[in-house]
Amino acid sequence: MANLNKKKYDTDEDYPIMEGNRTFMAKNLSKALYKKLRDDPTASGFTIDQCIQNGVDNPDFTLGILAGDEETYTKFAELMDPCIQDYHNGFSKDQNHVTDLDVNKIKDDVLDEKYVISSRIRTGRNLRGFCLSPFVCRAERRKIEKLVSSALDSLGGELKGKYYALPTLSEADQRQLIEDHFLFEKPISRHFTSGGMARDFPDGRGIWHNDKKNFLVWVNEEDHTRIISMEMGGNMKNVFKRWASGLNQVEEHIKKNGSEFMWSQHLGYILTCPSNLGTGVRCSVHVRIPKLAAIDKEAKLKAICKKLRLQERGTSGELTEAVGGVYDVSNLDRLGTSEVEQVNCVIDGVKLIIEMEKRLEKGESIDDLIPK
């Protein structure tokens, strides 16, 4: 809750040190705006100081803001909107997001499996009526876990699976989840700790996966849920179909129990970090492209990906190195374009990247393939 002693001090005395802070938060939070927002929390009690703490502690971050509840995005819109516009390719406060989960609009192309090792789609979803991870209390977190695990237990067919609550995880289940690369451990990064998202770990956290191990849900990590569909090879349409079906079935069950996913016409799906607003989708493939990556020590690959609205990184996550010429390539955009558009962007972009790799293998030029 808000520190009531703050009101004893002038906001100029309480304003954070912003010198050298490179975040969008620092760029957009003036002393006048801080004065206006400081003593006016959301209905759940989340303050502007809690919203900006991530950026105050980490002046080298990009955004520097986190939401503590759904109202954060409207109560503190005078700060959130310009930061969102800076991050999301100019998306303005007057624009509305488009949601589209129609699998029939996904391109049928199966990416060449000589180059594409695996495909996946993941997103976050939060339940309306509860605070988000930087501000959620223990009772809320446990209620969220109960609602989500009940919804997941209702799934049948190819989505039938099992929920593993982290506090009661057996050694055998823990070993298996580690072997499957499904287990998430206590978050220790600056993003999680300064944001307050690692509190009470592992209370209220868990992992669910279906029997086929190609549909996975993390409960109460950065968001209430992280929902992932994946498989080996390059059939992204199949991955999308399973992912969308699971999302729809889970929300249908949650609605029957009095909640729903947070969503707004303006921002799409509401997530804890504004970087994931909109679709929350990260559609990615692990693709082997050593020839293309070798040009100018990855500089050419980075430039091509940016033009294609894609992001390249190592297969072990952001800021990791590629191994054996294998890169994780995903969509760059989240807000302002739909799920279908973002997935098709990855399909088209990776197809072109593979064609470049094939040309380079033959010693041929790729200049005519590079987007302008």
Protein backbone atom coordinates (compact mmCIF):
# COMPACT_ATOMS: atom_id res chain seq x y z
CA MET A 1 0.00 0.00 0.00
CA ALA A 2 0.96 3.64 -0.29
CA ASN A 3 3.44 5.06 2.22
CA LEU A 4 1.36 7.70 3.99
CA ASN A 5 4.51 9.48 5.23
CA LYS A 6 5.15 10.59 1.66
CA LYS A 7 2.45 13.22 1.99
CA LYS A 8 4.57 14.97 4.62
CA TYR A 9 7.17 15.76 1.96
CA ASP A 10 7.03 17.93 -1.11
CA THR A 11 7.09 15.99 -4.36
CA ASP A 12 10.25 17.82 -5.47
CA GLU A 13 12.02 16.31 -2.45
CA ASP A 14 10.64 12.87 -3.32
CA TYR A 15 11.34 12.91 -7.08
CA PRO A 16 13.75 10.13 -8.15
CA ILE A 17 17.28 10.77 -9.42
CA MET A 18 16.92 10.78 -13.21
CA GLU A 19 20.41 11.88 -14.31
CA GLY A 20 21.86 9.16 -16.53
CA ASN A 21 18.59 7.22 -16.57
CA ARG A 22 18.00 6.02 -20.16
CA THR A 23 14.53 4.53 -19.68
CA PHE A 24 11.41 5.76 -21.44
CA MET A 25 10.02 6.29 -17.95
CA ALA A 26 12.70 8.88 -17.18
CA LYS A 27 12.14 10.56 -20.54
CA ASN A 28 8.41 10.99 -19.94
CA LEU A 29 8.07 11.53 -16.17
CA SER A 30 8.47 15.24 -15.43
CA LYS A 31 8.46 16.67 -11.93
CA ALA A 32 5.08 18.23 -12.67
CA LEU A 33 3.59 14.90 -13.74
CA TYR A 34 5.12 13.13 -10.74
CA LYS A 35 3.52 15.74 -8.47
CA LYS A 36 0.14 15.15 -10.12
CA LEU A 37 0.29 11.34 -9.85
CA ARG A 38 2.22 10.63 -6.64
CA ASP A 39 -0.59 10.71 -4.10
CA ASP A 40 -3.36 9.28 -6.28
CA PRO A 41 -3.07 5.45 -6.34
CA THR A 42 -5.30 3.00 -8.17
CA ALA A 43 -8.32 1.51 -6.41
CA SER A 44 -6.21 -1.46 -5.26
CA GLY A 45 -3.58 0.89 -3.80
CA PHE A 46 -0.84 0.69 -6.47
CA THR A 47 1.14 3.93 -6.67
CA ILE A 48 3.12 5.69 -9.36
CA ASP A 49 6.26 5.10 -7.27
CA GLN A 50 5.69 1.34 -7.41
CA CYS A 51 5.00 1.63 -11.13
CA ILE A 52 8.36 3.32 -11.83
CA GLN A 53 10.53 1.43 -9.32
CA ASN A 54 11.76 -0.97 -12.01
CA GLY A 55 13.23 1.94 -13.95
CA VAL A 56 14.53 3.84 -10.93
CA ASP A 57 16.50 0.77 -9.83
CA ASN A 58 17.62 -0.08 -13.36
CA PRO A 59 18.45 3.10 -15.32
CA ASP A 60 19.84 0.97 -18.18
CA PHE A 61 16.48 -0.70 -18.90
CA THR A 62 14.39 0.29 -21.92
CA LEU A 63 10.90 0.89 -20.50
CA GLY A 64 11.32 1.18 -16.73
CA ILE A 65 7.65 0.75 -15.82
CA LEU A 66 5.48 -2.16 -14.67
CA ALA A 67 1.75 -2.39 -14.03
CA GLY A 68 0.46 -3.52 -10.65
CA ASP A 69 -3.14 -3.90 -11.75
CA GLU A 70 -5.31 -3.34 -14.80
CA GLU A 71 -6.15 0.22 -13.73
CA THR A 72 -2.45 1.20 -13.86
CA TYR A 73 -2.80 1.75 -17.62
CA THR A 74 -5.67 4.24 -17.23
CA LYS A 75 -4.93 5.89 -13.86
CA PHE A 76 -1.34 6.66 -14.90
CA ALA A 77 -2.08 7.02 -18.62
CA GLU A 78 -0.21 10.34 -18.85
CA LEU A 79 2.99 8.39 -18.20
CA MET A 80 2.07 5.01 -19.64
CA ASP A 81 0.80 6.22 -23.01
CA PRO A 82 3.96 8.08 -24.14
CA CYS A 83 6.18 5.23 -22.90
CA ILE A 84 4.03 2.75 -24.85
CA GLN A 85 4.24 4.97 -27.93
CA ASP A 86 8.04 5.15 -27.63
CA TYR A 87 8.37 1.38 -27.27
CA HIS A 88 5.73 0.14 -29.69
CA ASN A 89 6.73 1.73 -32.98
CA GLY A 90 4.67 4.91 -32.53
CA PHE A 91 1.42 3.30 -31.31
CA SER A 92 -0.55 6.29 -30.01
CA LYS A 93 -3.16 6.78 -27.29
CA ASP A 94 -5.79 7.29 -30.02
CA GLN A 95 -5.19 3.93 -31.72
CA ASN A 96 -6.96 0.66 -30.99
CA HIS A 97 -5.42 -2.78 -31.09
CA VAL A 98 -6.75 -5.61 -33.29
CA THR A 99 -7.15 -9.15 -31.96
CA ASP A 100 -7.44 -12.05 -34.44
CA LEU A 101 -7.09 -15.73 -33.48
CA ASP A 102 -8.55 -17.18 -36.71
CA VAL A 103 -6.34 -20.16 -37.57
CA ASN A 104 -7.75 -20.23 -41.13
CA LYS A 105 -5.85 -17.01 -41.83
CA ILE A 106 -2.48 -18.53 -40.92
CA LYS A 107 -0.38 -19.37 -43.98
CA ASP A 108 -0.09 -23.06 -44.83
CA ASP A 109 3.65 -22.95 -45.49
CA VAL A 110 5.63 -25.57 -43.59
CA LEU A 111 9.11 -24.12 -43.05
CA ASP A 112 11.99 -26.17 -44.46
CA GLU A 113 12.92 -28.63 -41.71
CA LYS A 114 16.47 -28.94 -43.00
CA TYR A 115 16.90 -25.49 -41.45
CA VAL A 116 14.06 -25.08 -38.91
CA ILE A 117 14.53 -27.21 -35.82
CA SER A 118 11.46 -26.24 -33.80
CA SER A 119 8.53 -23.81 -33.71
CA ARG A 120 6.63 -22.26 -30.82
CA ILE A 121 4.10 -19.60 -29.90
CA ARG A 122 3.71 -18.19 -26.42
CA THR A 123 1.75 -15.42 -24.78
CA GLY A 124 0.77 -14.12 -21.36
CA ARG A 125 -2.74 -13.77 -20.02
CA ASN A 126 -3.95 -12.16 -16.78
CA LEU A 127 -7.25 -12.67 -14.97
CA ARG A 128 -9.53 -9.69 -14.53
CA GLY A 129 -10.29 -8.70 -10.94
CA PHE A 130 -6.85 -9.57 -9.54
CA CYS A 131 -3.70 -7.50 -9.10
CA LEU A 132 -0.72 -8.21 -11.32
CA SER A 133 2.48 -9.85 -10.11
CA PRO A 134 4.27 -6.70 -8.82
CA PHE A 135 1.36 -6.04 -6.41
CA VAL A 136 -0.61 -9.29 -6.03
CA CYS A 137 -1.11 -10.52 -2.47
CA ARG A 138 -0.64 -14.15 -1.41
CA ALA A 139 -4.38 -14.85 -1.16
CA GLU A 140 -4.96 -13.47 -4.68
CA ARG A 141 -2.07 -15.46 -6.11
CA ARG A 142 -3.43 -18.68 -4.59
CA LYS A 143 -6.93 -17.92 -5.92
CA ILE A 144 -5.49 -17.33 -9.40
CA GLU A 145 -3.65 -20.65 -9.21
CA LYS A 146 -6.85 -22.42 -8.22
CA LEU A 147 -8.87 -20.87 -11.06
CA VAL A 148 -6.21 -21.54 -13.71
CA SER A 149 -5.34 -25.09 -12.62
CA SER A 150 -9.06 -25.94 -12.53
CA ALA A 151 -9.43 -24.62 -16.08
CA LEU A 152 -6.41 -26.61 -17.26
CA ASP A 153 -7.68 -29.79 -15.59
CA SER A 154 -10.89 -29.43 -17.64
CA LEU A 155 -9.03 -29.78 -20.95
CA GLY A 156 -9.46 -33.01 -22.87
CA GLY A 157 -8.32 -34.66 -26.08
CA GLU A 158 -4.80 -33.75 -27.18
CA LEU A 159 -4.73 -31.04 -24.49
CA LYS A 160 -5.36 -33.37 -21.56
CA GLY A 161 -2.55 -33.05 -19.02
CA LYS A 162 -1.36 -32.57 -15.44
CA TYR A 163 -0.70 -29.64 -13.10
CA TYR A 164 2.40 -29.52 -10.89
CA ALA A 165 2.26 -27.12 -7.91
CA LEU A 166 5.83 -25.98 -7.24
CA PRO A 167 5.65 -25.96 -3.39
CA THR A 168 4.67 -29.66 -3.32
CA LEU A 169 6.71 -30.86 -6.30
CA SER A 170 8.17 -34.32 -5.77
CA GLU A 171 11.83 -35.01 -6.56
CA ALA A 172 10.83 -37.33 -9.40
CA ASP A 173 8.51 -34.73 -10.98
CA GLN A 174 11.15 -32.04 -10.50
CA ARG A 175 13.76 -34.14 -12.32
CA GLN A 176 11.35 -34.82 -15.17
CA LEU A 177 10.37 -31.16 -15.56
CA ILE A 178 14.05 -30.17 -15.61
CA GLU A 179 14.77 -32.84 -18.20
CA ASP A 180 11.90 -31.53 -20.34
CA HIS A 181 13.18 -27.94 -19.89
CA PHE A 182 9.76 -26.96 -18.48
CA LEU A 183 10.65 -26.00 -14.91
CA PHE A 184 10.97 -22.34 -14.00
CA GLU A 185 12.96 -21.50 -10.88
CA LYS A 186 12.85 -18.50 -8.57
CA PRO A 187 13.27 -15.39 -10.71
CA ILE A 188 16.46 -13.62 -9.68
CA SER A 189 16.94 -11.11 -12.49
CA ARG A 190 16.81 -7.38 -11.73
CA HIS A 191 13.60 -7.15 -13.74
CA PHE A 192 11.82 -9.52 -11.34
CA THR A 193 13.36 -8.49 -8.04
CA SER A 194 13.06 -4.70 -8.36
CA GLY A 195 9.58 -5.17 -9.79
CA GLY A 196 8.47 -7.17 -6.77
CA MET A 197 7.52 -10.16 -8.89
CA ALA A 198 9.63 -12.75 -7.03
CA ARG A 199 7.86 -12.34 -3.66
CA ASP A 200 6.73 -15.48 -1.80
CA PHE A 201 8.27 -17.88 -4.33
CA PRO A 202 7.23 -20.67 -4.88
CA ASP A 203 3.88 -20.02 -3.16
CA GLY A 204 1.02 -20.07 -5.66
CA ARG A 205 3.22 -21.04 -8.61
CA GLY A 206 2.97 -24.09 -10.82
CA ILE A 207 3.51 -25.71 -14.19
CA TRP A 208 1.05 -27.61 -16.35
CA HIS A 209 1.64 -29.53 -19.55
CA ASN A 210 -0.42 -31.86 -21.69
CA ASP A 211 0.44 -35.54 -22.06
CA LYS A 212 2.06 -34.95 -25.46
CA LYS A 213 4.27 -32.22 -23.94
CA ASN A 214 3.54 -29.77 -26.74
CA PHE A 215 1.25 -27.43 -24.76
CA LEU A 216 2.65 -25.85 -21.59
CA VAL A 217 1.37 -23.29 -19.06
CA TRP A 218 3.35 -21.46 -16.37
CA VAL A 219 1.18 -20.14 -13.54
CA ASN A 220 2.08 -16.93 -11.65
CA GLU A 221 5.48 -16.18 -13.11
CA GLU A 222 5.66 -12.64 -14.62
CA ASP A 223 1.99 -12.81 -15.54
CA HIS A 224 -0.84 -14.92 -14.14
CA THR A 225 -0.30 -17.36 -16.99
CA ARG A 226 2.22 -17.94 -19.75
CA ILE A 227 0.72 -20.21 -22.38
CA ILE A 228 3.01 -22.01 -24.84
CA SER A 229 2.40 -24.27 -27.83
CA MET A 230 5.43 -25.93 -29.44
CA GLU A 231 6.66 -28.79 -31.57
CA MET A 232 9.66 -29.94 -33.53
CA GLY A 233 9.83 -28.90 -37.18
CA GLY A 234 8.37 -26.00 -39.12
CA ASN A 235 4.57 -26.43 -39.09
CA MET A 236 3.67 -23.10 -37.49
CA LYS A 237 -0.01 -23.34 -38.47
CA ASN A 238 -0.32 -26.53 -36.43
CA VAL A 239 1.37 -24.84 -33.47
CA PHE A 240 -1.01 -21.86 -33.76
CA LYS A 241 -4.10 -24.08 -33.98
CA ARG A 242 -3.24 -25.89 -30.74
CA TRP A 243 -2.31 -22.62 -29.02
CA ALA A 244 -5.50 -20.78 -29.97
CA SER A 245 -7.68 -23.76 -29.07
CA GLY A 246 -6.08 -24.01 -25.64
CA LEU A 247 -6.44 -20.27 -25.00
CA ASN A 248 -10.11 -20.29 -25.91
CA GLN A 249 -10.94 -23.36 -23.81
CA VAL A 250 -9.10 -22.06 -20.76
CA GLU A 251 -10.83 -18.66 -20.90
CA GLU A 252 -14.23 -20.29 -21.42
CA HIS A 253 -13.76 -22.28 -18.20
CA ILE A 254 -12.48 -19.22 -16.31
CA LYS A 255 -15.52 -17.20 -17.41
CA LYS A 256 -17.80 -19.87 -15.94
CA ASN A 257 -16.04 -19.26 -12.63
CA GLY A 258 -16.49 -15.49 -12.61
CA SER A 259 -13.40 -14.05 -14.29
CA GLU A 260 -11.97 -13.50 -17.78
CA PHE A 261 -8.72 -12.44 -19.42
CA MET A 262 -7.79 -8.76 -19.07
CA TRP A 263 -8.35 -7.03 -22.42
CA SER A 264 -9.06 -3.53 -23.66
CA GLN A 265 -10.00 -2.17 -27.06
CA HIS A 266 -7.08 0.24 -26.93
CA LEU A 267 -4.24 -1.98 -25.66
CA GLY A 268 -5.41 -5.51 -26.43
CA TYR A 269 -4.42 -8.06 -23.79
CA ILE A 270 -3.22 -6.40 -20.58
CA LEU A 271 0.11 -7.71 -19.34
CA THR A 272 2.43 -6.77 -16.49
CA CYS A 273 5.20 -5.34 -18.65
CA PRO A 274 4.02 -2.83 -21.27
CA SER A 275 6.48 -4.39 -23.74
CA ASN A 276 4.05 -7.31 -24.09
CA LEU A 277 0.80 -5.38 -24.54
CA GLY A 278 -1.38 -6.17 -27.52
CA THR A 279 -1.08 -9.81 -28.42
CA GLY A 280 1.62 -10.73 -25.92
CA VAL A 281 2.70 -13.11 -28.66
CA ARG A 282 6.21 -14.31 -29.18
CA CYS A 283 6.13 -16.56 -32.23
CA SER A 284 9.57 -18.06 -32.77
CA VAL A 285 11.55 -20.68 -34.63
CA HIS A 286 14.98 -22.13 -34.00
CA VAL A 287 16.61 -21.90 -37.40
CA ARG A 288 20.09 -22.97 -38.56
CA ILE A 289 21.63 -20.18 -40.69
CA PRO A 290 25.43 -20.17 -40.17
CA LYS A 291 26.29 -18.68 -43.60
CA LEU A 292 23.98 -15.69 -43.25
CA ALA A 293 25.00 -15.11 -39.64
CA ALA A 294 28.69 -15.09 -40.55
CA ILE A 295 28.38 -12.03 -42.80
CA ASP A 296 29.86 -9.03 -40.94
CA LYS A 297 29.76 -11.01 -37.69
CA GLU A 298 25.92 -11.06 -37.50
CA ALA A 299 25.51 -7.42 -38.55
CA LYS A 300 23.86 -8.37 -41.85
CA LEU A 301 21.48 -10.78 -40.11
CA LYS A 302 20.49 -8.14 -37.54
CA ALA A 303 19.81 -5.56 -40.26
CA ILE A 304 17.74 -8.01 -42.33
CA CYS A 305 15.69 -9.09 -39.32
CA LYS A 306 14.92 -5.51 -38.36
CA LYS A 307 13.65 -4.75 -41.87
CA LEU A 308 11.46 -7.85 -41.71
CA ARG A 309 10.11 -6.79 -38.25
CA LEU A 310 11.84 -9.80 -36.70
CA GLN A 311 14.19 -10.24 -33.74
CA GLU A 312 17.13 -12.64 -33.63
CA ARG A 313 18.83 -13.96 -30.51
CA GLY A 314 20.49 -17.04 -29.07
CA THR A 315 18.37 -20.11 -28.41
CA SER A 316 18.77 -19.84 -24.62
CA GLY A 317 17.05 -16.47 -24.36
CA GLU A 318 17.70 -12.77 -24.69
CA LEU A 319 21.36 -11.68 -24.61
CA THR A 320 22.57 -15.27 -25.19
CA GLU A 321 24.89 -16.34 -27.99
CA ALA A 322 23.89 -18.55 -30.91
CA VAL A 323 25.47 -22.00 -30.95
CA GLY A 324 26.31 -23.81 -34.17
CA GLY A 325 24.68 -21.12 -36.28
CA VAL A 326 21.26 -21.77 -34.71
CA TYR A 327 19.23 -18.66 -33.90
CA ASP A 328 15.90 -17.99 -32.27
CA VAL A 329 13.99 -15.75 -34.70
CA SER A 330 10.70 -14.18 -33.61
CA ASN A 331 8.27 -11.33 -34.29
CA LEU A 332 9.38 -7.88 -33.19
CA ASP A 333 5.91 -6.32 -32.90
CA ARG A 334 3.26 -7.00 -30.23
CA LEU A 335 0.93 -4.00 -30.26
CA GLY A 336 -0.95 -2.61 -33.26
CA THR A 337 -0.95 -5.79 -35.36
CA SER A 338 -2.94 -8.97 -34.74
CA GLU A 339 -1.83 -12.45 -33.70
CA VAL A 340 -2.43 -13.68 -37.25
CA GLU A 341 -0.35 -10.87 -38.76
CA GLN A 342 2.52 -11.45 -36.35
CA VAL A 343 2.65 -15.20 -36.95
CA ASN A 344 2.44 -14.77 -40.72
CA CYS A 345 5.22 -12.18 -40.48
CA VAL A 346 7.47 -14.84 -38.91
CA ILE A 347 6.51 -17.46 -41.52
CA ASP A 348 7.25 -15.10 -44.43
CA GLY A 349 10.40 -13.69 -42.86
CA VAL A 350 11.94 -17.04 -41.96
CA LYS A 351 11.13 -18.41 -45.43
CA LEU A 352 13.10 -15.51 -46.92
CA ILE A 353 15.98 -15.98 -44.49
CA ILE A 354 16.18 -19.68 -45.38
CA GLU A 355 16.21 -18.79 -49.09
CA MET A 356 19.16 -16.48 -48.41
CA GLU A 357 20.98 -19.28 -46.56
CA LYS A 358 20.42 -21.64 -49.51
CA ARG A 359 21.85 -19.09 -51.94
CA LEU A 360 24.89 -18.53 -49.76
CA GLU A 361 25.49 -22.29 -49.59
CA LYS A 362 25.73 -22.23 -53.40
CA GLY A 363 28.04 -19.21 -53.37
CA GLU A 364 25.34 -16.99 -54.90
CA SER A 365 24.43 -13.37 -54.13
CA ILE A 366 21.51 -12.50 -51.84
CA ASP A 367 21.45 -8.78 -52.66
CA ASP A 368 18.17 -8.97 -54.57
CA LEU A 369 16.45 -10.76 -51.65
CA ILE A 370 17.30 -8.19 -48.99
CA PRO A 371 14.24 -6.03 -48.20
CA LYS A 372 14.60 -2.33 -48.88
